[in-house]
N, C-alpha and C. Protein backbone atom coordinates (compact mmCIF):
# COMPACT_ATOMS: atom_id res chain seq x y z
N MET A 1 -16.91 -15.54 16.23
CA MET A 1 -16.12 -14.44 16.38
C MET A 1 -16.09 -14.17 17.88
N LYS A 2 -15.14 -13.90 18.58
CA LYS A 2 -14.90 -13.49 19.83
C LYS A 2 -15.49 -11.96 19.95
N ASP A 3 -15.70 -11.67 21.05
CA ASP A 3 -16.05 -9.98 21.38
C ASP A 3 -14.81 -9.42 21.37
N LEU A 4 -14.88 -8.24 20.32
CA LEU A 4 -13.33 -7.47 20.26
C LEU A 4 -13.90 -6.50 21.26
N LYS A 5 -12.75 -5.99 21.70
CA LYS A 5 -12.73 -4.69 22.53
C LYS A 5 -12.94 -3.24 21.60
N ILE A 6 -13.56 -2.51 21.96
CA ILE A 6 -13.61 -1.32 21.21
C ILE A 6 -12.99 0.11 21.78
N LYS A 7 -12.24 0.68 20.79
CA LYS A 7 -11.53 1.87 21.52
C LYS A 7 -12.08 2.88 20.27
N VAL A 8 -12.76 4.00 21.10
CA VAL A 8 -13.11 5.25 20.35
C VAL A 8 -12.06 6.29 20.71
N CYS A 9 -11.36 6.71 19.63
CA CYS A 9 -10.33 7.69 19.93
C CYS A 9 -10.76 9.24 19.23
N GLY A 10 -9.79 9.96 19.82
CA GLY A 10 -9.84 11.35 19.46
C GLY A 10 -11.14 12.25 20.22
N MET A 11 -11.31 12.04 21.56
CA MET A 11 -12.46 12.57 22.04
C MET A 11 -11.85 14.24 22.59
N ARG A 12 -12.98 14.75 22.64
CA ARG A 12 -12.52 16.07 23.20
C ARG A 12 -13.77 17.02 23.76
N GLU A 13 -14.75 16.99 23.04
CA GLU A 13 -16.07 17.71 23.55
C GLU A 13 -16.82 17.08 24.77
N PRO A 14 -16.73 17.98 25.78
CA PRO A 14 -17.31 17.45 27.18
C PRO A 14 -18.76 16.68 26.81
N THR A 15 -19.71 17.31 26.26
CA THR A 15 -21.17 16.72 26.22
C THR A 15 -20.95 15.56 25.32
N ASN A 16 -20.11 15.39 24.20
CA ASN A 16 -19.95 14.26 23.41
C ASN A 16 -19.02 13.09 24.21
N ILE A 17 -18.35 13.18 25.11
CA ILE A 17 -17.59 12.49 26.03
C ILE A 17 -18.64 11.79 26.91
N GLN A 18 -19.37 12.62 27.27
CA GLN A 18 -20.73 12.41 28.39
C GLN A 18 -21.57 11.25 27.58
N ALA A 19 -21.84 11.63 26.29
CA ALA A 19 -22.81 10.64 25.37
C ALA A 19 -21.90 9.40 25.10
N LEU A 20 -20.76 9.41 24.78
CA LEU A 20 -20.20 8.26 24.63
C LEU A 20 -19.98 7.33 25.72
N SER A 21 -19.77 7.87 26.81
CA SER A 21 -19.48 7.07 28.16
C SER A 21 -20.76 6.16 28.24
N LEU A 22 -21.80 6.34 27.61
CA LEU A 22 -22.92 5.53 27.99
C LEU A 22 -23.00 4.46 27.15
N LEU A 23 -22.24 4.34 26.19
CA LEU A 23 -22.03 3.33 25.03
C LEU A 23 -21.28 2.14 25.63
N PRO A 24 -21.33 0.88 25.07
CA PRO A 24 -20.62 -0.34 25.53
C PRO A 24 -19.31 -0.40 25.08
N ILE A 25 -18.40 0.74 25.33
CA ILE A 25 -16.97 0.61 24.68
C ILE A 25 -15.88 0.33 25.62
N ASP A 26 -14.70 0.10 25.32
CA ASP A 26 -13.87 -0.51 26.33
C ASP A 26 -12.61 0.58 26.64
N TYR A 27 -12.48 1.45 25.50
CA TYR A 27 -11.43 2.43 25.64
C TYR A 27 -11.72 3.87 25.04
N MET A 28 -11.61 4.93 25.52
CA MET A 28 -11.79 6.15 25.15
C MET A 28 -10.39 6.76 24.96
N GLY A 29 -10.36 7.28 23.73
CA GLY A 29 -8.78 7.98 23.50
C GLY A 29 -8.79 9.50 23.55
N PHE A 30 -7.97 10.17 24.21
CA PHE A 30 -7.60 11.43 24.01
C PHE A 30 -6.22 11.76 23.37
N ILE A 31 -6.08 12.59 22.48
CA ILE A 31 -4.85 12.84 21.76
C ILE A 31 -4.19 13.80 22.36
N PHE A 32 -3.11 13.71 22.82
CA PHE A 32 -2.08 14.99 23.38
C PHE A 32 -0.97 15.07 22.42
N TYR A 33 -1.26 15.25 21.15
CA TYR A 33 -0.22 15.48 20.22
C TYR A 33 -0.81 16.69 19.54
N GLU A 34 -0.01 17.61 19.51
CA GLU A 34 -0.40 19.13 19.26
C GLU A 34 -0.76 19.39 17.73
N LYS A 35 -0.15 18.54 16.97
CA LYS A 35 -0.38 18.61 15.54
C LYS A 35 -1.60 17.82 14.90
N SER A 36 -2.05 17.25 15.95
CA SER A 36 -3.24 16.51 15.36
C SER A 36 -4.58 17.44 15.41
N ALA A 37 -5.49 17.18 14.65
CA ALA A 37 -6.81 18.21 14.46
C ALA A 37 -7.54 17.59 15.77
N ARG A 38 -7.24 16.51 16.34
CA ARG A 38 -8.11 16.26 17.52
C ARG A 38 -7.53 16.22 18.89
N TYR A 39 -6.26 17.12 18.79
CA TYR A 39 -5.47 17.45 20.01
C TYR A 39 -6.13 18.22 21.17
N THR A 40 -6.27 17.64 22.25
CA THR A 40 -6.90 18.24 23.65
C THR A 40 -5.64 18.51 24.52
N PRO A 41 -5.67 19.52 25.21
CA PRO A 41 -4.37 20.17 26.18
C PRO A 41 -4.39 19.27 27.40
N GLU A 42 -5.69 18.87 27.87
CA GLU A 42 -6.06 18.44 29.16
C GLU A 42 -6.83 17.37 29.17
N LEU A 43 -6.61 16.06 29.98
CA LEU A 43 -7.59 15.40 30.09
C LEU A 43 -9.05 15.73 30.75
N PRO A 44 -9.95 15.70 30.13
CA PRO A 44 -11.40 16.49 30.42
C PRO A 44 -11.80 15.82 31.76
N ASN A 45 -12.11 16.76 32.71
CA ASN A 45 -12.65 16.40 34.15
C ASN A 45 -14.34 16.16 34.06
N ILE A 46 -14.22 14.70 33.40
CA ILE A 46 -15.64 14.45 33.50
C ILE A 46 -15.51 13.01 33.84
N PRO A 47 -16.64 12.55 34.69
CA PRO A 47 -16.89 11.29 35.33
C PRO A 47 -16.96 10.18 33.84
N ILE A 48 -16.18 9.19 33.97
CA ILE A 48 -16.09 8.25 32.84
C ILE A 48 -16.12 6.87 33.55
N PRO A 49 -17.15 5.90 33.12
CA PRO A 49 -17.37 4.61 33.84
C PRO A 49 -16.09 3.77 34.11
N ASP A 50 -15.91 3.24 35.11
CA ASP A 50 -14.75 2.42 35.44
C ASP A 50 -14.39 1.47 34.18
N GLN A 51 -15.13 1.02 33.71
CA GLN A 51 -15.04 -0.11 32.71
C GLN A 51 -14.50 0.51 31.27
N ILE A 52 -14.56 1.72 31.40
CA ILE A 52 -14.00 2.30 29.92
C ILE A 52 -12.56 3.08 30.19
N LYS A 53 -11.62 2.44 29.76
CA LYS A 53 -10.11 2.73 30.03
C LYS A 53 -9.79 4.05 29.28
N LYS A 54 -9.25 5.15 30.13
CA LYS A 54 -9.10 6.43 29.51
C LYS A 54 -7.58 6.48 28.89
N THR A 55 -7.49 6.48 27.75
CA THR A 55 -6.29 6.24 26.94
C THR A 55 -5.74 7.43 26.46
N GLY A 56 -4.46 7.62 26.72
CA GLY A 56 -3.64 8.90 26.34
C GLY A 56 -2.86 8.61 25.06
N VAL A 57 -3.23 9.19 23.87
CA VAL A 57 -2.41 9.03 22.67
C VAL A 57 -1.13 9.95 22.40
N PHE A 58 -0.02 9.65 22.36
CA PHE A 58 1.31 10.45 22.42
C PHE A 58 1.90 10.16 21.31
N VAL A 59 2.82 11.06 20.66
CA VAL A 59 3.75 10.85 19.68
C VAL A 59 5.02 11.62 19.85
N ASN A 60 5.75 10.84 20.50
CA ASN A 60 7.39 11.19 20.80
C ASN A 60 7.20 12.15 21.84
N ALA A 61 6.43 11.91 22.82
CA ALA A 61 6.28 13.07 23.82
C ALA A 61 7.64 12.64 24.91
N GLU A 62 7.83 13.56 25.74
CA GLU A 62 8.73 13.38 26.80
C GLU A 62 7.80 12.75 28.08
N LYS A 63 9.04 11.83 28.78
CA LYS A 63 8.43 11.03 29.65
C LYS A 63 7.61 11.94 30.83
N THR A 64 8.29 13.15 31.04
CA THR A 64 7.76 13.80 32.16
C THR A 64 6.32 14.40 31.86
N TYR A 65 6.00 14.68 30.62
CA TYR A 65 4.82 15.06 30.05
C TYR A 65 3.74 13.84 30.07
N ILE A 66 4.15 12.67 29.73
CA ILE A 66 3.38 11.58 30.05
C ILE A 66 3.22 11.23 31.32
N ASP A 67 4.05 11.34 32.30
CA ASP A 67 3.86 11.15 33.78
C ASP A 67 2.73 11.90 34.29
N LYS A 68 2.92 13.22 33.87
CA LYS A 68 1.92 14.22 34.33
C LYS A 68 0.31 13.77 34.06
N LYS A 69 0.16 13.31 32.75
CA LYS A 69 -0.98 12.95 32.11
C LYS A 69 -1.23 11.74 32.89
N ILE A 70 -0.47 10.76 33.23
CA ILE A 70 -0.81 9.40 33.92
C ILE A 70 -1.36 9.90 35.38
N ALA A 71 -0.80 10.89 35.83
CA ALA A 71 -1.19 11.14 37.21
C ALA A 71 -2.68 11.93 37.07
N GLN A 72 -3.14 12.27 35.92
CA GLN A 72 -4.62 12.83 35.95
C GLN A 72 -5.46 11.62 35.67
N GLY A 73 -5.23 10.58 35.64
CA GLY A 73 -6.20 9.52 35.49
C GLY A 73 -6.10 8.51 34.40
N LEU A 74 -5.03 8.65 33.54
CA LEU A 74 -4.99 7.78 32.44
C LEU A 74 -4.90 6.07 33.01
N GLN A 75 -5.45 5.16 32.02
CA GLN A 75 -5.31 3.90 32.59
C GLN A 75 -4.56 3.07 31.32
N ALA A 76 -4.40 3.90 30.21
CA ALA A 76 -3.47 3.19 28.95
C ALA A 76 -2.93 4.30 28.24
N LEU A 77 -1.91 3.84 27.67
CA LEU A 77 -1.17 4.78 26.74
C LEU A 77 -0.87 4.41 25.35
N GLN A 78 -1.30 4.95 24.39
CA GLN A 78 -1.17 4.65 23.14
C GLN A 78 0.16 5.47 22.70
N LEU A 79 1.25 4.85 22.18
CA LEU A 79 2.43 5.68 21.71
C LEU A 79 2.54 5.34 20.21
N HIS A 80 2.58 6.40 19.63
CA HIS A 80 2.16 6.66 18.19
C HIS A 80 3.39 7.09 17.35
N GLY A 81 4.53 7.14 18.04
CA GLY A 81 5.81 7.58 17.27
C GLY A 81 6.81 6.65 17.40
N GLN A 82 7.95 7.31 17.26
CA GLN A 82 9.06 6.52 17.32
C GLN A 82 9.71 5.94 18.65
N GLU A 83 8.74 5.77 19.64
CA GLU A 83 9.20 5.40 21.13
C GLU A 83 9.90 4.08 21.07
N SER A 84 11.25 3.98 21.68
CA SER A 84 11.90 3.00 21.75
C SER A 84 11.24 1.97 22.71
N PRO A 85 11.76 0.55 22.64
CA PRO A 85 11.17 -0.44 23.71
C PRO A 85 11.51 0.17 25.13
N MET A 86 12.73 0.57 25.20
CA MET A 86 13.16 1.12 26.65
C MET A 86 12.41 2.18 26.97
N PHE A 87 11.94 3.14 26.30
CA PHE A 87 11.04 4.14 26.56
C PHE A 87 9.59 3.49 27.12
N CYS A 88 9.09 2.66 26.49
CA CYS A 88 7.97 1.98 26.64
C CYS A 88 8.08 1.32 28.00
N GLU A 89 9.29 0.50 28.33
CA GLU A 89 9.38 0.03 29.52
C GLU A 89 9.39 1.27 30.65
N GLN A 90 9.85 2.29 30.47
CA GLN A 90 10.16 3.36 31.36
C GLN A 90 8.58 3.96 31.82
N VAL A 91 7.68 4.11 30.86
CA VAL A 91 6.44 4.59 31.23
C VAL A 91 5.51 3.67 31.70
N LYS A 92 5.73 2.77 31.43
CA LYS A 92 4.60 1.44 31.98
C LYS A 92 4.87 1.36 33.42
N THR A 93 3.77 1.36 34.05
CA THR A 93 3.57 1.41 35.44
C THR A 93 2.70 0.23 35.90
N ALA A 94 2.29 -0.26 36.99
CA ALA A 94 1.55 -1.58 37.36
C ALA A 94 0.28 -1.17 36.91
N HIS A 95 -0.36 -0.13 36.56
CA HIS A 95 -1.66 0.13 36.38
C HIS A 95 -1.99 0.55 34.84
N ILE A 96 -0.91 0.62 34.12
CA ILE A 96 -0.92 1.30 32.78
C ILE A 96 -0.56 0.15 31.62
N GLU A 97 -1.71 0.29 30.81
CA GLU A 97 -1.52 -0.60 29.66
C GLU A 97 -0.78 0.11 28.49
N ILE A 98 0.14 -0.66 27.84
CA ILE A 98 0.98 0.13 26.74
C ILE A 98 0.52 -0.52 25.45
N ILE A 99 -0.12 0.47 24.69
CA ILE A 99 -0.35 0.08 23.26
C ILE A 99 0.63 0.80 22.19
N LYS A 100 1.28 -0.05 21.59
CA LYS A 100 2.27 0.54 20.80
C LYS A 100 1.74 0.68 19.14
N ALA A 101 1.59 1.71 18.49
CA ALA A 101 1.03 1.80 17.34
C ALA A 101 2.38 1.78 16.17
N PHE A 102 2.00 1.22 15.14
CA PHE A 102 2.74 1.09 13.89
C PHE A 102 1.90 1.37 12.69
N GLY A 103 2.45 2.18 11.59
CA GLY A 103 1.86 2.45 10.53
C GLY A 103 2.17 1.36 9.67
N ILE A 104 1.34 0.71 8.99
CA ILE A 104 1.60 -0.46 8.11
C ILE A 104 1.34 -0.18 6.75
N ASN A 105 2.16 -0.53 5.98
CA ASN A 105 2.12 -0.76 4.45
C ASN A 105 2.86 -1.65 3.64
N THR A 106 3.00 -1.85 2.49
CA THR A 106 3.56 -3.13 1.76
C THR A 106 5.05 -3.03 2.09
N ASP A 107 5.67 -2.04 2.36
CA ASP A 107 7.05 -1.89 2.91
C ASP A 107 7.36 -2.37 4.23
N THR A 108 6.30 -2.39 5.13
CA THR A 108 6.65 -2.50 6.46
C THR A 108 7.47 -4.09 6.72
N SER A 109 8.36 -3.76 7.65
CA SER A 109 9.02 -5.20 7.90
C SER A 109 8.57 -5.59 9.51
N TRP A 110 7.95 -6.57 9.70
CA TRP A 110 7.53 -7.14 11.03
C TRP A 110 8.66 -7.26 12.01
N GLU A 111 9.90 -7.28 11.47
CA GLU A 111 10.97 -7.46 12.37
C GLU A 111 11.12 -6.16 13.35
N ILE A 112 10.63 -5.13 12.95
CA ILE A 112 10.94 -3.77 13.73
C ILE A 112 10.10 -3.80 14.92
N LEU A 113 9.16 -4.84 14.87
CA LEU A 113 8.19 -5.02 16.14
C LEU A 113 8.85 -6.05 17.24
N ALA A 114 9.81 -6.77 16.84
CA ALA A 114 10.34 -7.93 17.68
C ALA A 114 11.09 -7.38 19.10
N PRO A 115 11.57 -6.11 18.91
CA PRO A 115 12.04 -5.70 20.38
C PRO A 115 10.99 -5.05 21.23
N TYR A 116 9.87 -5.01 20.94
CA TYR A 116 8.65 -4.60 21.72
C TYR A 116 7.89 -5.78 22.45
N VAL A 117 8.18 -7.03 21.77
CA VAL A 117 7.49 -8.28 22.27
C VAL A 117 8.05 -8.45 23.76
N GLY A 118 7.00 -8.62 24.58
CA GLY A 118 7.15 -9.02 26.01
C GLY A 118 7.40 -7.60 26.88
N ILE A 119 7.25 -6.51 26.07
CA ILE A 119 7.21 -5.19 26.75
C ILE A 119 5.81 -4.38 26.72
N VAL A 120 5.22 -4.37 25.42
CA VAL A 120 4.05 -3.83 25.58
C VAL A 120 2.93 -4.84 25.55
N ASP A 121 1.86 -4.20 26.03
CA ASP A 121 0.43 -5.15 26.10
C ASP A 121 -0.02 -5.28 24.72
N TYR A 122 0.00 -4.25 24.04
CA TYR A 122 -0.83 -4.71 22.48
C TYR A 122 -0.06 -3.78 21.51
N PHE A 123 -0.27 -4.21 20.29
CA PHE A 123 0.15 -3.30 19.37
C PHE A 123 -1.09 -2.62 18.55
N LEU A 124 -1.05 -1.50 17.96
CA LEU A 124 -2.26 -1.11 17.24
C LEU A 124 -1.62 -0.99 15.63
N PHE A 125 -2.12 -1.59 14.81
CA PHE A 125 -1.67 -1.40 13.28
C PHE A 125 -2.74 -0.21 12.76
N ASP A 126 -2.22 0.71 12.26
CA ASP A 126 -2.78 1.71 11.45
C ASP A 126 -2.22 1.96 10.18
N THR A 127 -2.96 2.86 9.10
CA THR A 127 -2.30 3.04 7.97
C THR A 127 -1.47 3.90 7.91
N SER A 128 -0.09 3.61 7.37
CA SER A 128 1.23 4.27 7.48
C SER A 128 0.57 5.86 6.95
N SER A 129 1.39 6.75 7.70
CA SER A 129 1.34 8.02 7.14
C SER A 129 2.19 8.96 7.75
N PRO A 130 2.68 10.07 7.14
CA PRO A 130 3.69 11.00 8.03
C PRO A 130 3.00 11.65 9.16
N GLN A 131 1.62 11.82 9.16
CA GLN A 131 1.15 12.53 10.31
C GLN A 131 0.69 11.46 11.50
N HIS A 132 1.08 10.31 11.57
CA HIS A 132 0.87 9.33 12.58
C HIS A 132 -0.58 9.11 12.86
N GLY A 133 -1.22 8.73 11.72
CA GLY A 133 -2.62 8.30 11.81
C GLY A 133 -3.65 9.40 11.44
N GLY A 134 -4.83 9.12 11.70
CA GLY A 134 -6.05 9.86 11.63
C GLY A 134 -6.21 10.17 10.08
N THR A 135 -5.75 9.27 9.20
CA THR A 135 -5.94 9.70 7.61
C THR A 135 -7.21 9.22 7.30
N GLY A 136 -8.07 8.27 7.97
CA GLY A 136 -9.23 7.83 7.46
C GLY A 136 -9.06 6.76 6.40
N ARG A 137 -7.83 6.43 5.94
CA ARG A 137 -7.49 5.39 4.91
C ARG A 137 -7.30 4.18 5.43
N VAL A 138 -7.78 2.93 4.70
CA VAL A 138 -7.50 1.79 5.30
C VAL A 138 -6.25 1.00 4.54
N PHE A 139 -5.46 0.23 5.27
CA PHE A 139 -4.38 -0.39 4.70
C PHE A 139 -4.88 -1.88 4.31
N ASP A 140 -3.89 -2.51 3.39
CA ASP A 140 -4.41 -3.80 3.13
C ASP A 140 -4.27 -4.91 4.19
N TRP A 141 -5.53 -5.37 4.56
CA TRP A 141 -5.36 -6.29 5.66
C TRP A 141 -4.87 -7.31 5.36
N GLU A 142 -4.75 -7.82 4.28
CA GLU A 142 -4.06 -9.31 3.99
C GLU A 142 -2.75 -9.05 4.44
N LEU A 143 -1.93 -8.20 4.64
CA LEU A 143 -0.72 -7.96 5.17
C LEU A 143 -0.71 -8.44 6.66
N LEU A 144 -1.62 -8.61 7.23
CA LEU A 144 -1.89 -9.11 8.64
C LEU A 144 -1.56 -10.51 8.83
N LYS A 145 -1.69 -11.23 7.53
CA LYS A 145 -1.64 -12.74 7.57
C LYS A 145 -0.15 -13.11 7.81
N SER A 146 0.88 -12.23 7.48
CA SER A 146 2.19 -12.31 7.68
C SER A 146 2.74 -12.05 9.08
N TYR A 147 2.16 -11.36 10.01
CA TYR A 147 2.21 -11.06 11.25
C TYR A 147 2.65 -12.15 12.13
N PRO A 148 3.91 -12.14 12.64
CA PRO A 148 4.54 -13.35 13.10
C PRO A 148 4.45 -13.41 14.61
N TYR A 149 3.91 -12.63 15.30
CA TYR A 149 4.33 -12.54 16.70
C TYR A 149 2.88 -12.81 17.67
N ASP A 150 2.94 -13.19 18.83
CA ASP A 150 1.94 -13.40 19.73
C ASP A 150 1.22 -12.18 20.29
N VAL A 151 1.92 -11.15 20.24
CA VAL A 151 1.25 -9.97 20.78
C VAL A 151 -0.10 -9.57 20.17
N PRO A 152 -1.16 -9.51 20.92
CA PRO A 152 -2.59 -9.18 20.55
C PRO A 152 -2.28 -7.74 19.97
N TYR A 153 -3.36 -7.25 18.90
CA TYR A 153 -3.27 -6.14 18.43
C TYR A 153 -4.73 -5.48 18.15
N PHE A 154 -4.79 -4.28 17.80
CA PHE A 154 -6.10 -3.33 17.53
C PHE A 154 -5.89 -3.12 16.12
N LEU A 155 -6.95 -3.15 15.37
CA LEU A 155 -6.96 -2.68 13.96
C LEU A 155 -7.46 -1.26 13.96
N SER A 156 -6.68 -0.36 13.09
CA SER A 156 -7.12 0.96 13.09
C SER A 156 -6.76 1.16 11.67
N GLY A 157 -7.51 2.48 11.21
CA GLY A 157 -7.31 3.04 9.81
C GLY A 157 -8.43 2.85 9.22
N GLY A 158 -9.30 3.89 9.07
CA GLY A 158 -10.49 4.10 7.96
C GLY A 158 -11.58 3.05 8.42
N LEU A 159 -11.65 2.59 9.54
CA LEU A 159 -12.93 1.79 9.81
C LEU A 159 -14.02 2.61 9.74
N ASP A 160 -15.22 2.15 9.17
CA ASP A 160 -16.34 2.66 8.84
C ASP A 160 -17.61 1.74 8.85
N LEU A 161 -18.75 2.01 8.73
CA LEU A 161 -19.92 1.15 8.80
C LEU A 161 -19.83 0.23 7.49
N THR A 162 -19.10 0.55 6.37
CA THR A 162 -19.19 -0.28 5.29
C THR A 162 -17.96 -1.49 5.47
N ASN A 163 -16.88 -1.04 6.00
CA ASN A 163 -15.93 -2.24 6.14
C ASN A 163 -15.80 -2.77 7.56
N ILE A 164 -16.58 -2.49 8.62
CA ILE A 164 -16.62 -3.28 9.73
C ILE A 164 -16.85 -4.58 9.68
N PRO A 165 -18.12 -4.89 8.91
CA PRO A 165 -18.45 -6.32 8.71
C PRO A 165 -17.24 -7.09 8.22
N SER A 166 -16.34 -6.61 7.12
CA SER A 166 -15.18 -7.46 6.60
C SER A 166 -14.16 -7.71 7.59
N ALA A 167 -14.15 -6.46 8.50
CA ALA A 167 -13.07 -6.75 9.58
C ALA A 167 -13.32 -7.86 10.61
N LEU A 168 -14.84 -7.87 10.60
CA LEU A 168 -15.13 -8.98 11.63
C LEU A 168 -15.02 -10.43 10.96
N THR A 169 -14.68 -10.69 9.85
CA THR A 169 -14.29 -11.93 9.31
C THR A 169 -12.98 -12.20 9.39
N ILE A 170 -12.18 -11.40 9.86
CA ILE A 170 -10.59 -11.68 10.20
C ILE A 170 -10.72 -12.73 11.28
N THR A 171 -9.98 -13.75 10.99
CA THR A 171 -10.08 -14.87 12.13
C THR A 171 -8.97 -14.96 12.88
N ASP A 172 -8.24 -14.05 12.67
CA ASP A 172 -6.72 -13.96 13.69
C ASP A 172 -7.07 -13.94 14.89
N GLU A 173 -6.86 -14.83 15.84
CA GLU A 173 -7.09 -14.64 17.26
C GLU A 173 -6.38 -13.82 17.94
N ARG A 174 -5.36 -13.22 17.28
CA ARG A 174 -4.72 -12.23 18.09
C ARG A 174 -5.30 -10.65 17.86
N LEU A 175 -6.11 -10.66 16.94
CA LEU A 175 -6.96 -9.45 16.63
C LEU A 175 -7.98 -9.29 17.95
N ILE A 176 -7.54 -8.25 18.70
CA ILE A 176 -8.38 -8.13 20.14
C ILE A 176 -9.29 -7.03 20.08
N GLY A 177 -9.15 -6.01 19.15
CA GLY A 177 -9.91 -4.93 19.16
C GLY A 177 -9.90 -3.97 17.98
N LEU A 178 -10.84 -3.32 17.80
CA LEU A 178 -11.06 -2.15 16.45
C LEU A 178 -10.96 -0.76 17.35
N ASP A 179 -10.22 -0.10 16.65
CA ASP A 179 -10.03 1.29 16.88
C ASP A 179 -10.76 2.30 15.96
N ILE A 180 -11.68 2.98 16.41
CA ILE A 180 -12.46 3.74 15.38
C ILE A 180 -12.39 5.11 15.65
N ASN A 181 -12.41 6.07 14.63
CA ASN A 181 -12.06 7.50 14.80
C ASN A 181 -12.75 8.26 13.82
N SER A 182 -12.14 8.67 12.78
CA SER A 182 -12.42 9.78 11.77
C SER A 182 -13.61 9.54 11.04
N LYS A 183 -13.84 8.31 10.65
CA LYS A 183 -14.97 7.87 9.81
C LYS A 183 -16.43 8.12 10.76
N PHE A 184 -16.28 8.25 11.85
CA PHE A 184 -17.54 8.49 12.85
C PHE A 184 -17.54 9.83 13.39
N GLU A 185 -17.13 10.92 12.72
CA GLU A 185 -16.89 12.16 13.07
C GLU A 185 -17.85 13.16 12.31
N ILE A 186 -18.64 14.27 13.19
CA ILE A 186 -19.22 15.25 12.56
C ILE A 186 -18.12 16.44 12.04
N LYS A 187 -17.19 16.36 12.89
CA LYS A 187 -15.98 17.28 12.73
C LYS A 187 -14.80 16.63 13.50
N PRO A 188 -13.77 16.87 13.11
CA PRO A 188 -12.54 16.64 14.02
C PRO A 188 -12.78 16.51 15.55
N GLY A 189 -12.80 15.66 16.42
CA GLY A 189 -12.94 15.62 17.83
C GLY A 189 -14.25 15.77 18.25
N LEU A 190 -15.31 15.60 17.34
CA LEU A 190 -16.81 15.51 17.71
C LEU A 190 -17.37 14.16 16.87
N LYS A 191 -17.80 13.22 17.74
CA LYS A 191 -18.28 11.82 17.29
C LYS A 191 -19.65 11.99 16.78
N ASP A 192 -20.12 11.15 16.00
CA ASP A 192 -21.63 10.94 15.54
C ASP A 192 -22.01 9.81 16.52
N ILE A 193 -22.81 10.21 17.61
CA ILE A 193 -23.22 9.10 18.30
C ILE A 193 -23.94 8.02 17.86
N ASP A 194 -24.83 8.44 16.95
CA ASP A 194 -25.99 7.34 16.37
C ASP A 194 -25.07 6.73 15.23
N LYS A 195 -24.01 7.09 14.71
CA LYS A 195 -23.32 6.22 13.78
C LYS A 195 -22.35 5.27 14.62
N LEU A 196 -22.09 5.59 15.93
CA LEU A 196 -21.31 4.76 16.66
C LEU A 196 -22.22 3.69 17.38
N GLN A 197 -23.57 3.96 17.53
CA GLN A 197 -24.45 3.02 18.14
C GLN A 197 -24.56 1.86 17.01
N GLN A 198 -24.76 2.43 15.70
CA GLN A 198 -24.67 1.26 14.58
C GLN A 198 -23.66 0.56 14.38
N ALA A 199 -22.44 1.15 14.66
CA ALA A 199 -21.43 0.30 14.55
C ALA A 199 -21.12 -0.73 15.63
N LEU A 200 -21.69 -0.26 16.91
CA LEU A 200 -21.64 -1.23 17.86
C LEU A 200 -22.68 -2.56 17.92
N LYS A 201 -23.82 -2.10 17.06
CA LYS A 201 -24.56 -3.24 16.98
C LYS A 201 -24.12 -4.25 15.90
N ILE A 202 -23.40 -3.77 14.93
CA ILE A 202 -22.77 -4.64 13.94
C ILE A 202 -21.65 -5.45 14.66
N ILE A 203 -20.97 -4.68 15.57
CA ILE A 203 -19.94 -5.52 16.01
C ILE A 203 -20.09 -6.39 17.14
N ARG A 204 -21.19 -6.09 17.86
CA ARG A 204 -22.04 -6.98 19.07
C ARG A 204 -22.78 -7.94 18.48
N HIS A 205 -22.98 -7.92 17.25
CA HIS A 205 -24.11 -8.84 16.60
C HIS A 205 -25.39 -8.86 17.22
N GLU A 206 -25.99 -7.37 17.39
CA GLU A 206 -27.14 -7.44 17.71
C GLU A 206 -28.13 -7.13 16.72
């Protein structure tokens, strides 16, 4: 199994961010969606190692708002709403990666992803929900077998210490990373660093 990229999302507390920044992760997510329990109004002014990409999570936000957050130091955008392919093109810059999230269930038609192919860098597949993720629930990973495009994707939705080993058995080369969040929290926005260290040992085969 190739090394997967690791994204830890929903960060907010300064000391927690500092502790997480010492771990071997690839993306650190900050949620700029007011209805989220992990909402943060500003990108924390805390030094984060260059190898960890600061990722802003947005849901149907205005371009001017996203541009303001990019100027504060974001290196990736995770768009979790109904953002159009044209909008994704508009917010993409030379140094910004675009991750377009989709909620997945048995009714999902992969055809809705087609217009984004060639525009976004990655897809992120989460459990379908009205609140745009953060449910802590797992969707049926068997559905991924019918995913028809070449765009690499992150797996999200309810990943925890018990099911991460199963995620590592997915042989799809397009699976590029794991997005972990609610199952590693002491409370919304506050991660359990010890649990994350355990997860990383499993993922990194240590």
